[in-house]
């Protein structure tokens, strides 16, 4: 689909794996680079991403991820220094990339100018990382469980653009919560206007279908 992103995630631990799952649920292409053989095997068994075994701080390993076809590199290991290095190497290899790094340090603004997005603090976890990768779709980070509550911008030319909810067959397990102004609950008369943002609740199994409808 036109809105599909190709994201390379460095780090297949808890945050990296959850971010890969979220992006996969939203219909994006994901590659994970991880140097722990046990994590590599576990990730491969999940079929949520292409997995490359190796150290993502090495340019040769990053090149294996085919950066020329990649939109974003998200460095999500548990080491701030390694994440910064990964982003800087990736940007050197392909300046057009968007770079996202995870940090556990106070003052993430110190990395401005070196990377495009910083994921902080730790509690924000995978949803914040997915938000940083996919800027037109933002999951609300404090929601618990598997249900995703997201702010989604309706794209020009999307299947639902300019249509009211009464004329749209959203999949079971999804709900448009608020209208474009966010001041009242969406009803059957609510029109999904292109270029406007709506709060949408989705179950993981239908996230990809909902994204296709709203993003195209």
N, C-alpha and C. Protein backbone atom coordinates (compact mmCIF):
# COMPACT_ATOMS: atom_id res chain seq x y z
N UNK A 1 0.85 -1.19 0.00
CA UNK A 1 0.00 0.00 0.00
C UNK A 1 0.88 1.24 0.00
N UNK A 2 0.36 2.42 -0.50
CA UNK A 2 1.19 3.60 -0.63
C UNK A 2 1.81 4.06 0.67
N UNK A 3 1.14 3.85 1.80
CA UNK A 3 1.64 4.35 3.07
C UNK A 3 2.56 3.38 3.80
N UNK A 4 2.96 2.29 3.12
CA UNK A 4 3.80 1.29 3.77
C UNK A 4 5.21 1.82 3.96
N UNK A 5 5.74 1.64 5.16
CA UNK A 5 7.12 2.03 5.48
C UNK A 5 7.98 0.79 5.61
N UNK A 6 9.26 0.95 5.30
CA UNK A 6 10.23 -0.12 5.56
C UNK A 6 11.14 0.38 6.68
N UNK A 7 11.10 -0.33 7.80
CA UNK A 7 11.83 0.09 9.00
C UNK A 7 12.83 -0.97 9.41
N UNK A 8 14.05 -0.54 9.68
CA UNK A 8 15.07 -1.42 10.24
C UNK A 8 15.19 -1.11 11.72
N UNK A 9 14.95 -2.12 12.56
CA UNK A 9 15.04 -1.98 14.01
C UNK A 9 16.32 -2.66 14.49
N UNK A 10 17.16 -1.90 15.17
CA UNK A 10 18.36 -2.48 15.78
C UNK A 10 18.05 -2.81 17.23
N UNK A 11 18.09 -4.10 17.55
CA UNK A 11 17.76 -4.54 18.90
C UNK A 11 16.47 -5.33 18.92
N UNK A 12 16.58 -6.60 19.25
CA UNK A 12 15.40 -7.47 19.27
C UNK A 12 14.95 -7.84 20.66
N UNK A 13 15.28 -7.00 21.64
CA UNK A 13 14.82 -7.24 23.01
C UNK A 13 13.37 -6.84 23.18
N UNK A 14 12.98 -6.57 24.43
CA UNK A 14 11.56 -6.30 24.72
C UNK A 14 11.01 -5.14 23.91
N UNK A 15 11.69 -3.99 23.92
CA UNK A 15 11.18 -2.82 23.21
C UNK A 15 11.24 -3.01 21.70
N UNK A 16 12.35 -3.53 21.19
CA UNK A 16 12.48 -3.75 19.76
C UNK A 16 11.46 -4.73 19.22
N UNK A 17 11.25 -5.83 19.96
CA UNK A 17 10.30 -6.85 19.51
C UNK A 17 8.87 -6.31 19.50
N UNK A 18 8.50 -5.59 20.57
CA UNK A 18 7.15 -5.04 20.65
C UNK A 18 6.92 -3.99 19.56
N UNK A 19 7.94 -3.18 19.29
CA UNK A 19 7.82 -2.19 18.22
C UNK A 19 7.65 -2.86 16.87
N UNK A 20 8.41 -3.93 16.64
CA UNK A 20 8.28 -4.68 15.39
C UNK A 20 6.87 -5.24 15.24
N UNK A 21 6.31 -5.75 16.35
CA UNK A 21 4.94 -6.28 16.31
C UNK A 21 3.94 -5.20 15.95
N UNK A 22 4.06 -4.04 16.60
CA UNK A 22 3.13 -2.94 16.35
C UNK A 22 3.20 -2.49 14.89
N UNK A 23 4.40 -2.33 14.37
CA UNK A 23 4.54 -1.88 12.99
C UNK A 23 4.05 -2.94 12.01
N UNK A 24 4.31 -4.21 12.32
CA UNK A 24 3.80 -5.30 11.49
C UNK A 24 2.28 -5.31 11.49
N UNK A 25 1.67 -5.11 12.68
CA UNK A 25 0.21 -5.05 12.77
C UNK A 25 -0.36 -3.92 11.92
N UNK A 26 0.40 -2.84 11.78
CA UNK A 26 -0.06 -1.69 11.00
C UNK A 26 0.25 -1.82 9.51
N UNK A 27 0.80 -2.96 9.11
CA UNK A 27 1.00 -3.24 7.70
C UNK A 27 2.33 -2.82 7.13
N UNK A 28 3.31 -2.51 7.99
CA UNK A 28 4.60 -2.06 7.49
C UNK A 28 5.60 -3.21 7.37
N UNK A 29 6.65 -2.98 6.61
CA UNK A 29 7.72 -3.97 6.44
C UNK A 29 8.81 -3.71 7.47
N UNK A 30 9.20 -4.74 8.20
CA UNK A 30 10.13 -4.58 9.31
C UNK A 30 11.30 -5.55 9.18
N UNK A 31 12.50 -5.03 9.43
CA UNK A 31 13.72 -5.83 9.53
C UNK A 31 14.29 -5.60 10.92
N UNK A 32 14.65 -6.67 11.61
CA UNK A 32 15.26 -6.56 12.94
C UNK A 32 16.69 -7.08 12.88
N UNK A 33 17.62 -6.28 13.42
CA UNK A 33 19.02 -6.70 13.54
C UNK A 33 19.30 -7.01 15.01
N UNK A 34 19.77 -8.20 15.29
CA UNK A 34 20.02 -8.63 16.67
C UNK A 34 21.23 -9.56 16.68
N UNK A 35 22.11 -9.40 17.70
CA UNK A 35 23.31 -10.24 17.74
C UNK A 35 23.23 -11.41 18.70
N UNK A 36 22.15 -11.51 19.47
CA UNK A 36 21.98 -12.64 20.39
C UNK A 36 21.31 -13.79 19.62
N UNK A 37 22.00 -14.92 19.44
CA UNK A 37 21.42 -16.03 18.66
C UNK A 37 20.08 -16.53 19.18
N UNK A 38 19.90 -16.56 20.50
CA UNK A 38 18.63 -17.03 21.05
C UNK A 38 17.48 -16.08 20.68
N UNK A 39 17.73 -14.77 20.77
CA UNK A 39 16.70 -13.81 20.38
C UNK A 39 16.44 -13.87 18.88
N UNK A 40 17.48 -14.08 18.10
CA UNK A 40 17.32 -14.21 16.65
C UNK A 40 16.38 -15.36 16.33
N UNK A 41 16.59 -16.51 16.98
CA UNK A 41 15.74 -17.67 16.73
C UNK A 41 14.30 -17.40 17.15
N UNK A 42 14.13 -16.78 18.33
CA UNK A 42 12.79 -16.48 18.82
C UNK A 42 12.06 -15.52 17.89
N UNK A 43 12.76 -14.48 17.43
CA UNK A 43 12.14 -13.53 16.50
C UNK A 43 11.78 -14.19 15.18
N UNK A 44 12.66 -15.05 14.69
CA UNK A 44 12.39 -15.75 13.44
C UNK A 44 11.14 -16.61 13.55
N UNK A 45 10.95 -17.23 14.71
CA UNK A 45 9.80 -18.10 14.93
C UNK A 45 8.48 -17.33 14.94
N UNK A 46 8.54 -16.02 15.27
CA UNK A 46 7.32 -15.21 15.34
C UNK A 46 6.85 -14.73 13.97
N UNK A 47 7.72 -14.71 12.98
CA UNK A 47 7.37 -14.26 11.62
C UNK A 47 6.81 -12.84 11.59
N UNK A 48 7.33 -11.95 12.44
CA UNK A 48 6.85 -10.57 12.41
C UNK A 48 7.82 -9.67 11.65
N UNK A 49 9.00 -10.19 11.32
CA UNK A 49 10.00 -9.37 10.66
C UNK A 49 11.06 -10.25 10.02
N UNK A 50 11.74 -9.68 9.05
CA UNK A 50 12.97 -10.29 8.55
C UNK A 50 14.04 -10.07 9.62
N UNK A 51 14.82 -11.09 9.93
CA UNK A 51 15.78 -11.00 11.02
C UNK A 51 17.20 -11.19 10.47
N UNK A 52 18.09 -10.28 10.85
CA UNK A 52 19.50 -10.36 10.49
C UNK A 52 20.30 -10.52 11.78
N UNK A 53 21.14 -11.54 11.83
CA UNK A 53 21.97 -11.75 13.01
C UNK A 53 23.28 -10.99 12.86
N UNK A 54 23.57 -10.11 13.83
CA UNK A 54 24.81 -9.35 13.76
C UNK A 54 24.75 -8.11 14.63
N UNK A 55 25.87 -7.41 14.69
CA UNK A 55 26.02 -6.20 15.49
C UNK A 55 25.68 -4.98 14.63
N UNK A 56 24.59 -4.29 14.95
CA UNK A 56 24.10 -3.19 14.12
C UNK A 56 25.00 -1.97 14.15
N UNK A 57 25.98 -1.93 15.07
CA UNK A 57 26.91 -0.80 15.05
C UNK A 57 27.94 -0.94 13.93
N UNK A 58 28.00 -2.10 13.31
CA UNK A 58 28.95 -2.34 12.21
C UNK A 58 28.32 -1.96 10.88
N UNK A 59 28.96 -1.09 10.10
CA UNK A 59 28.41 -0.69 8.81
C UNK A 59 28.10 -1.87 7.89
N UNK A 60 28.94 -2.91 7.92
CA UNK A 60 28.71 -4.06 7.05
C UNK A 60 27.39 -4.75 7.37
N UNK A 61 27.02 -4.79 8.65
CA UNK A 61 25.76 -5.41 9.05
C UNK A 61 24.59 -4.53 8.63
N UNK A 62 24.71 -3.22 8.84
CA UNK A 62 23.64 -2.31 8.41
C UNK A 62 23.41 -2.39 6.91
N UNK A 63 24.48 -2.53 6.16
CA UNK A 63 24.33 -2.63 4.70
C UNK A 63 23.54 -3.88 4.31
N UNK A 64 23.65 -4.95 5.10
CA UNK A 64 22.87 -6.16 4.80
C UNK A 64 21.37 -5.91 4.86
N UNK A 65 20.97 -4.87 5.61
CA UNK A 65 19.54 -4.55 5.75
C UNK A 65 18.99 -3.78 4.56
N UNK A 66 19.84 -3.52 3.56
CA UNK A 66 19.41 -2.84 2.33
C UNK A 66 18.83 -1.46 2.64
N UNK A 67 19.69 -0.57 3.14
CA UNK A 67 19.24 0.76 3.54
C UNK A 67 18.71 1.58 2.39
N UNK A 68 19.11 1.27 1.17
CA UNK A 68 18.62 2.03 0.02
C UNK A 68 17.11 1.90 -0.14
N UNK A 69 16.53 0.83 0.37
CA UNK A 69 15.07 0.64 0.29
C UNK A 69 14.38 0.94 1.62
N UNK A 70 15.11 1.52 2.57
CA UNK A 70 14.61 1.70 3.93
C UNK A 70 14.22 3.15 4.19
N UNK A 71 13.11 3.33 4.91
CA UNK A 71 12.64 4.68 5.27
C UNK A 71 13.20 5.13 6.61
N UNK A 72 13.25 4.20 7.58
CA UNK A 72 13.62 4.56 8.94
C UNK A 72 14.51 3.50 9.57
N UNK A 73 15.52 3.96 10.31
CA UNK A 73 16.30 3.07 11.17
C UNK A 73 16.00 3.46 12.61
N UNK A 74 15.53 2.50 13.40
CA UNK A 74 15.20 2.73 14.81
C UNK A 74 16.16 1.92 15.66
N UNK A 75 17.05 2.60 16.38
CA UNK A 75 18.02 1.94 17.24
C UNK A 75 17.42 1.82 18.64
N UNK A 76 17.02 0.60 19.01
CA UNK A 76 16.24 0.38 20.23
C UNK A 76 16.92 -0.61 21.18
N UNK A 77 18.23 -0.70 21.13
CA UNK A 77 18.93 -1.55 22.08
C UNK A 77 18.87 -0.90 23.46
N UNK A 78 19.36 -1.60 24.47
CA UNK A 78 19.37 -1.06 25.82
C UNK A 78 20.54 -0.15 26.11
N UNK A 79 21.38 0.15 25.11
CA UNK A 79 22.58 0.95 25.31
C UNK A 79 22.47 2.26 24.53
N UNK A 80 22.42 3.38 25.24
CA UNK A 80 22.25 4.68 24.60
C UNK A 80 23.39 4.96 23.62
N UNK A 81 24.63 4.71 24.04
CA UNK A 81 25.77 4.99 23.18
C UNK A 81 25.73 4.19 21.89
N UNK A 82 25.38 2.92 21.99
CA UNK A 82 25.27 2.08 20.80
C UNK A 82 24.17 2.58 19.88
N UNK A 83 23.04 3.00 20.46
CA UNK A 83 21.93 3.49 19.65
C UNK A 83 22.31 4.75 18.87
N UNK A 84 23.03 5.65 19.54
CA UNK A 84 23.49 6.86 18.85
C UNK A 84 24.45 6.50 17.72
N UNK A 85 25.36 5.59 17.98
CA UNK A 85 26.31 5.18 16.96
C UNK A 85 25.61 4.55 15.76
N UNK A 86 24.63 3.71 16.02
CA UNK A 86 23.88 3.06 14.94
C UNK A 86 23.20 4.10 14.06
N UNK A 87 22.55 5.07 14.69
CA UNK A 87 21.84 6.11 13.93
C UNK A 87 22.81 6.93 13.10
N UNK A 88 23.96 7.27 13.67
CA UNK A 88 24.92 8.11 12.96
C UNK A 88 25.55 7.35 11.79
N UNK A 89 25.83 6.07 11.98
CA UNK A 89 26.37 5.26 10.88
C UNK A 89 25.32 5.12 9.78
N UNK A 90 24.06 4.84 10.17
CA UNK A 90 22.99 4.68 9.18
C UNK A 90 22.79 5.95 8.37
N UNK A 91 22.83 7.11 9.06
CA UNK A 91 22.65 8.38 8.37
C UNK A 91 23.82 8.66 7.43
N UNK A 92 25.00 8.23 7.82
CA UNK A 92 26.17 8.40 6.95
C UNK A 92 26.04 7.53 5.69
N UNK A 93 25.51 6.31 5.87
CA UNK A 93 25.35 5.41 4.74
C UNK A 93 24.23 5.86 3.80
N UNK A 94 23.18 6.47 4.39
CA UNK A 94 22.06 6.97 3.56
C UNK A 94 21.45 8.19 4.23
N UNK A 95 21.87 9.40 3.84
CA UNK A 95 21.43 10.63 4.51
C UNK A 95 19.93 10.86 4.51
N UNK A 96 19.19 10.27 3.56
CA UNK A 96 17.75 10.50 3.48
C UNK A 96 16.96 9.76 4.55
N UNK A 97 17.59 8.85 5.27
CA UNK A 97 16.90 8.05 6.28
C UNK A 97 16.38 8.92 7.42
N UNK A 98 15.25 8.49 8.01
CA UNK A 98 14.82 9.00 9.31
C UNK A 98 15.44 8.12 10.38
N UNK A 99 16.03 8.73 11.41
CA UNK A 99 16.68 7.95 12.47
C UNK A 99 15.97 8.16 13.80
N UNK A 100 15.76 7.07 14.51
CA UNK A 100 15.10 7.08 15.82
C UNK A 100 16.00 6.34 16.80
N UNK A 101 16.25 6.94 17.96
CA UNK A 101 17.07 6.26 18.96
C UNK A 101 16.38 6.22 20.31
N UNK A 102 16.62 5.14 21.02
CA UNK A 102 16.13 4.98 22.38
C UNK A 102 17.23 5.39 23.36
N UNK A 103 16.84 6.10 24.41
CA UNK A 103 17.81 6.46 25.43
C UNK A 103 17.19 6.27 26.81
N UNK A 104 18.02 5.98 27.79
CA UNK A 104 17.55 5.89 29.18
C UNK A 104 18.09 7.04 30.01
N UNK A 105 18.60 8.07 29.34
CA UNK A 105 19.21 9.19 30.04
C UNK A 105 18.28 10.40 30.07
N UNK A 106 18.43 11.22 31.12
CA UNK A 106 17.72 12.48 31.18
C UNK A 106 18.24 13.42 30.10
N UNK A 107 17.40 14.36 29.70
CA UNK A 107 17.83 15.36 28.74
C UNK A 107 18.00 14.85 27.33
N UNK A 108 17.00 14.16 26.77
CA UNK A 108 17.14 13.64 25.41
C UNK A 108 17.36 14.73 24.37
N UNK A 109 17.06 16.00 24.72
CA UNK A 109 17.25 17.08 23.76
C UNK A 109 18.72 17.24 23.37
N UNK A 110 19.63 16.68 24.16
CA UNK A 110 21.06 16.80 23.82
C UNK A 110 21.39 16.06 22.53
N UNK A 111 20.49 15.16 22.09
CA UNK A 111 20.75 14.42 20.86
C UNK A 111 20.15 15.10 19.64
N UNK A 112 19.47 16.25 19.82
CA UNK A 112 18.92 17.00 18.69
C UNK A 112 20.06 17.38 17.76
N UNK A 113 19.82 17.20 16.48
CA UNK A 113 20.87 17.49 15.51
C UNK A 113 21.65 16.26 15.10
N UNK A 114 21.55 15.19 15.92
CA UNK A 114 22.24 13.94 15.60
C UNK A 114 21.26 12.88 15.09
N UNK A 115 20.04 12.90 15.62
CA UNK A 115 19.00 11.95 15.20
C UNK A 115 17.70 12.73 15.01
N UNK A 116 16.74 12.08 14.32
CA UNK A 116 15.47 12.76 14.04
C UNK A 116 14.48 12.66 15.20
N UNK A 117 14.47 11.54 15.89
CA UNK A 117 13.53 11.32 17.00
C UNK A 117 14.24 10.60 18.14
N UNK A 118 13.88 10.94 19.38
CA UNK A 118 14.43 10.27 20.56
C UNK A 118 13.27 9.67 21.35
N UNK A 119 13.38 8.38 21.68
CA UNK A 119 12.37 7.70 22.48
C UNK A 119 12.81 7.73 23.94
N UNK A 120 12.01 8.43 24.76
CA UNK A 120 12.32 8.59 26.18
C UNK A 120 11.05 9.06 26.87
N UNK A 121 10.76 8.64 28.10
CA UNK A 121 11.55 7.75 28.94
C UNK A 121 11.23 6.28 28.69
N UNK A 122 11.82 5.41 29.48
CA UNK A 122 11.66 3.97 29.32
C UNK A 122 10.20 3.54 29.35
N UNK A 123 9.39 4.16 30.19
CA UNK A 123 8.00 3.72 30.33
C UNK A 123 7.21 3.88 29.04
N UNK A 124 7.67 4.77 28.15
CA UNK A 124 6.94 4.97 26.90
C UNK A 124 7.05 3.74 26.01
N UNK A 125 8.20 3.08 26.09
CA UNK A 125 8.39 1.79 25.45
C UNK A 125 8.08 1.74 23.98
N UNK A 126 7.50 0.61 23.55
CA UNK A 126 7.34 0.32 22.14
C UNK A 126 6.36 1.24 21.44
N UNK A 127 5.29 1.63 22.13
CA UNK A 127 4.32 2.50 21.46
C UNK A 127 4.95 3.83 21.08
N UNK A 128 5.80 4.37 21.95
CA UNK A 128 6.50 5.62 21.62
C UNK A 128 7.42 5.41 20.44
N UNK A 129 8.11 4.27 20.38
CA UNK A 129 9.00 3.99 19.27
C UNK A 129 8.22 3.88 17.96
N UNK A 130 7.09 3.18 18.00
CA UNK A 130 6.27 3.06 16.79
C UNK A 130 5.74 4.43 16.37
N UNK A 131 5.37 5.27 17.34
CA UNK A 131 4.92 6.62 17.03
C UNK A 131 6.00 7.42 16.33
N UNK A 132 7.24 7.27 16.79
CA UNK A 132 8.35 8.02 16.21
C UNK A 132 8.62 7.58 14.77
N UNK A 133 8.42 6.29 14.49
CA UNK A 133 8.63 5.78 13.14
C UNK A 133 7.51 6.24 12.22
N UNK A 134 6.27 6.09 12.67
CA UNK A 134 5.10 6.37 11.82
C UNK A 134 4.43 7.65 12.33
N UNK A 135 4.82 8.78 11.79
CA UNK A 135 4.47 10.07 12.39
C UNK A 135 3.01 10.46 12.19
N UNK A 136 2.32 9.88 11.19
CA UNK A 136 0.91 10.21 10.98
C UNK A 136 -0.03 9.31 11.77
N UNK A 137 0.52 8.38 12.53
CA UNK A 137 -0.29 7.49 13.36
C UNK A 137 0.37 7.43 14.73
N UNK A 138 -0.37 7.83 15.78
CA UNK A 138 0.22 7.87 17.12
C UNK A 138 -0.65 7.09 18.09
N UNK A 139 -0.09 5.99 18.61
CA UNK A 139 -0.80 5.21 19.62
C UNK A 139 -0.69 5.93 20.96
N UNK A 140 -1.76 5.89 21.74
CA UNK A 140 -1.74 6.50 23.06
C UNK A 140 -0.99 5.57 24.00
N UNK A 141 0.10 6.05 24.58
CA UNK A 141 1.09 5.18 25.19
C UNK A 141 0.66 4.55 26.51
N UNK A 142 -0.32 5.13 27.19
CA UNK A 142 -0.68 4.60 28.50
C UNK A 142 -1.81 3.57 28.45
N UNK A 143 -2.27 3.22 27.25
CA UNK A 143 -3.31 2.20 27.13
C UNK A 143 -2.69 0.84 27.44
N UNK A 144 -3.38 0.03 28.23
CA UNK A 144 -2.85 -1.28 28.59
C UNK A 144 -3.50 -2.36 27.74
N UNK A 145 -2.93 -3.56 27.80
CA UNK A 145 -3.47 -4.67 27.05
C UNK A 145 -3.14 -4.57 25.57
N UNK A 146 -3.83 -5.38 24.76
CA UNK A 146 -3.55 -5.44 23.33
C UNK A 146 -4.32 -4.42 22.51
N UNK A 147 -5.38 -3.85 23.07
CA UNK A 147 -6.17 -2.88 22.33
C UNK A 147 -5.33 -1.65 22.04
N UNK A 148 -5.35 -1.21 20.77
CA UNK A 148 -4.63 0.00 20.37
C UNK A 148 -5.62 1.16 20.25
N UNK A 149 -5.33 2.27 20.89
CA UNK A 149 -6.09 3.50 20.70
C UNK A 149 -5.14 4.49 20.05
N UNK A 150 -5.46 4.87 18.82
CA UNK A 150 -4.52 5.63 18.01
C UNK A 150 -5.15 6.91 17.46
N UNK A 151 -4.30 7.92 17.27
CA UNK A 151 -4.68 9.09 16.50
C UNK A 151 -4.21 8.85 15.07
N UNK A 152 -5.14 8.79 14.13
CA UNK A 152 -4.80 8.47 12.75
C UNK A 152 -5.25 9.61 11.83
N UNK A 153 -4.32 10.10 11.03
CA UNK A 153 -4.66 11.11 10.03
C UNK A 153 -5.18 10.45 8.77
N UNK A 154 -6.33 10.91 8.27
CA UNK A 154 -6.91 10.35 7.05
C UNK A 154 -6.16 10.92 5.85
N UNK A 155 -5.64 10.05 5.00
CA UNK A 155 -4.83 10.47 3.86
C UNK A 155 -5.72 10.85 2.68
N UNK A 156 -5.23 11.79 1.87
CA UNK A 156 -5.89 12.11 0.61
C UNK A 156 -5.95 10.85 -0.25
N UNK A 157 -7.11 10.57 -0.80
CA UNK A 157 -7.25 9.41 -1.67
C UNK A 157 -7.47 8.10 -0.95
N UNK A 158 -7.52 8.11 0.40
CA UNK A 158 -7.79 6.87 1.14
C UNK A 158 -9.22 6.41 0.85
N UNK A 159 -9.50 5.11 0.96
CA UNK A 159 -10.84 4.60 0.65
C UNK A 159 -11.97 5.27 1.42
N UNK A 160 -11.71 5.74 2.66
CA UNK A 160 -12.79 6.32 3.46
C UNK A 160 -12.79 7.85 3.40
N UNK A 161 -11.82 8.46 2.73
CA UNK A 161 -11.70 9.92 2.73
C UNK A 161 -12.95 10.58 2.15
N UNK A 162 -13.51 11.52 2.93
CA UNK A 162 -14.68 12.26 2.49
C UNK A 162 -16.00 11.53 2.66
N UNK A 163 -15.99 10.38 3.32
CA UNK A 163 -17.22 9.59 3.49
C UNK A 163 -17.63 9.58 4.96
N UNK A 164 -18.92 9.45 5.19
CA UNK A 164 -19.43 9.40 6.57
C UNK A 164 -19.35 7.97 7.09
N UNK A 165 -19.36 7.85 8.42
CA UNK A 165 -19.26 6.53 9.03
C UNK A 165 -20.43 5.62 8.65
N UNK A 166 -21.60 6.20 8.38
CA UNK A 166 -22.74 5.36 8.00
C UNK A 166 -22.53 4.71 6.64
N UNK A 167 -21.63 5.27 5.84
CA UNK A 167 -21.38 4.73 4.50
C UNK A 167 -20.13 3.87 4.44
N UNK A 168 -19.51 3.63 5.60
CA UNK A 168 -18.25 2.90 5.65
C UNK A 168 -18.43 1.60 6.43
N UNK A 169 -17.90 0.52 5.89
CA UNK A 169 -17.96 -0.77 6.59
C UNK A 169 -16.61 -1.00 7.28
N UNK A 170 -16.46 -0.43 8.50
CA UNK A 170 -15.24 -0.69 9.26
C UNK A 170 -15.26 -2.13 9.76
N UNK A 171 -14.10 -2.78 9.86
CA UNK A 171 -14.08 -4.18 10.31
C UNK A 171 -14.51 -4.31 11.77
N UNK A 172 -15.10 -5.45 12.09
CA UNK A 172 -15.44 -5.75 13.47
C UNK A 172 -14.17 -5.72 14.32
N UNK A 173 -14.23 -5.07 15.48
CA UNK A 173 -13.04 -4.92 16.30
C UNK A 173 -12.38 -3.58 16.12
N UNK A 174 -13.11 -2.63 15.49
CA UNK A 174 -12.57 -1.28 15.33
C UNK A 174 -13.68 -0.26 15.56
N UNK A 175 -13.29 0.94 16.01
CA UNK A 175 -14.27 1.97 16.35
C UNK A 175 -13.62 3.34 16.23
N UNK A 176 -14.26 4.24 15.48
CA UNK A 176 -13.83 5.64 15.46
C UNK A 176 -14.43 6.30 16.70
N UNK A 177 -13.59 6.81 17.58
CA UNK A 177 -14.03 7.30 18.88
C UNK A 177 -14.48 8.75 18.83
N UNK A 178 -13.67 9.61 18.21
CA UNK A 178 -14.02 11.03 18.21
C UNK A 178 -13.96 11.60 16.82
N UNK A 179 -14.69 12.73 16.64
CA UNK A 179 -14.66 13.40 15.35
C UNK A 179 -13.38 14.21 15.23
N UNK A 180 -13.23 14.92 14.12
CA UNK A 180 -11.99 15.60 13.83
C UNK A 180 -11.63 16.65 14.87
N UNK A 181 -12.63 17.29 15.47
CA UNK A 181 -12.35 18.31 16.48
C UNK A 181 -12.04 17.74 17.85
N UNK A 182 -12.38 16.49 18.08
CA UNK A 182 -12.10 15.85 19.36
C UNK A 182 -12.98 16.33 20.49
N UNK A 183 -14.08 17.01 20.17
CA UNK A 183 -14.95 17.57 21.20
C UNK A 183 -16.17 16.71 21.49
N UNK A 184 -16.45 15.73 20.63
CA UNK A 184 -17.61 14.87 20.88
C UNK A 184 -17.38 13.51 20.25
N UNK A 185 -18.15 12.53 20.74
CA UNK A 185 -18.04 11.17 20.23
C UNK A 185 -18.49 11.14 18.78
N UNK A 186 -17.77 10.40 17.96
CA UNK A 186 -18.13 10.27 16.55
C UNK A 186 -19.44 9.49 16.42
N UNK A 187 -20.25 9.92 15.47
CA UNK A 187 -21.52 9.23 15.20
C UNK A 187 -21.60 8.85 13.74
N UNK A 188 -22.71 8.26 13.36
CA UNK A 188 -22.87 7.78 11.98
C UNK A 188 -22.75 8.91 10.97
N UNK A 189 -23.04 10.15 11.40
CA UNK A 189 -22.97 11.29 10.49
C UNK A 189 -21.56 11.87 10.35
N UNK A 190 -20.64 11.41 11.17
CA UNK A 190 -19.27 11.94 11.14
C UNK A 190 -18.60 11.63 9.81
N UNK A 191 -18.06 12.66 9.18
CA UNK A 191 -17.36 12.50 7.91
C UNK A 191 -15.85 12.45 8.17
N UNK A 192 -15.20 11.46 7.60
CA UNK A 192 -13.75 11.32 7.75
C UNK A 192 -13.07 12.18 6.69
N UNK A 193 -12.69 13.36 7.10
CA UNK A 193 -12.16 14.35 6.17
C UNK A 193 -10.67 14.14 5.94
N UNK A 194 -10.21 14.14 4.69
CA UNK A 194 -8.78 13.97 4.41
C UNK A 194 -7.98 15.12 5.02
N UNK A 195 -6.84 14.77 5.59
CA UNK A 195 -6.00 15.77 6.24
C UNK A 195 -6.34 16.02 7.69
N UNK A 196 -7.44 15.43 8.21
CA UNK A 196 -7.82 15.57 9.60
C UNK A 196 -7.48 14.30 10.38
N UNK A 197 -7.40 14.44 11.69
CA UNK A 197 -6.99 13.33 12.56
C UNK A 197 -8.16 12.87 13.41
N UNK A 198 -8.27 11.56 13.61
CA UNK A 198 -9.35 10.95 14.38
C UNK A 198 -8.78 9.97 15.39
N UNK A 199 -9.46 9.83 16.53
CA UNK A 199 -9.08 8.82 17.52
C UNK A 199 -9.81 7.53 17.17
N UNK A 200 -9.04 6.46 17.00
CA UNK A 200 -9.59 5.18 16.56
C UNK A 200 -9.10 4.08 17.49
N UNK A 201 -10.01 3.22 17.94
CA UNK A 201 -9.66 2.05 18.74
C UNK A 201 -9.71 0.81 17.84
N UNK A 202 -8.64 0.00 17.89
CA UNK A 202 -8.60 -1.19 17.04
C UNK A 202 -8.04 -2.37 17.81
N UNK A 203 -8.51 -3.55 17.49
CA UNK A 203 -7.90 -4.78 17.97
C UNK A 203 -6.76 -5.15 17.02
N UNK A 204 -5.70 -5.78 17.52
CA UNK A 204 -4.52 -6.05 16.68
C UNK A 204 -4.83 -6.77 15.38
N UNK A 205 -5.78 -7.70 15.39
CA UNK A 205 -6.07 -8.50 14.20
C UNK A 205 -6.60 -7.68 13.04
N UNK A 206 -7.16 -6.50 13.32
CA UNK A 206 -7.75 -5.70 12.24
C UNK A 206 -7.00 -4.39 12.02
N UNK A 207 -5.89 -4.20 12.72
CA UNK A 207 -5.16 -2.94 12.61
C UNK A 207 -4.71 -2.67 11.18
N UNK A 208 -4.23 -3.70 10.50
CA UNK A 208 -3.75 -3.53 9.13
C UNK A 208 -4.90 -3.10 8.22
N UNK A 209 -6.06 -3.73 8.35
CA UNK A 209 -7.21 -3.39 7.51
C UNK A 209 -7.68 -1.95 7.76
N UNK A 210 -7.73 -1.57 9.03
CA UNK A 210 -8.14 -0.19 9.36
C UNK A 210 -7.14 0.80 8.78
N UNK A 211 -5.85 0.49 8.88
CA UNK A 211 -4.84 1.39 8.34
C UNK A 211 -4.97 1.54 6.84
N UNK A 212 -5.30 0.45 6.14
CA UNK A 212 -5.52 0.53 4.71
C UNK A 212 -6.68 1.46 4.37
N UNK A 213 -7.73 1.39 5.17
CA UNK A 213 -8.92 2.20 4.90
C UNK A 213 -8.65 3.69 5.12
N UNK A 214 -7.91 4.02 6.19
CA UNK A 214 -7.72 5.42 6.54
C UNK A 214 -6.48 6.05 5.91
N UNK A 215 -5.48 5.22 5.65
CA UNK A 215 -4.24 5.76 5.11
C UNK A 215 -4.06 5.49 3.62
N UNK A 216 -4.75 4.46 3.09
CA UNK A 216 -4.63 4.14 1.69
C UNK A 216 -3.48 3.23 1.37
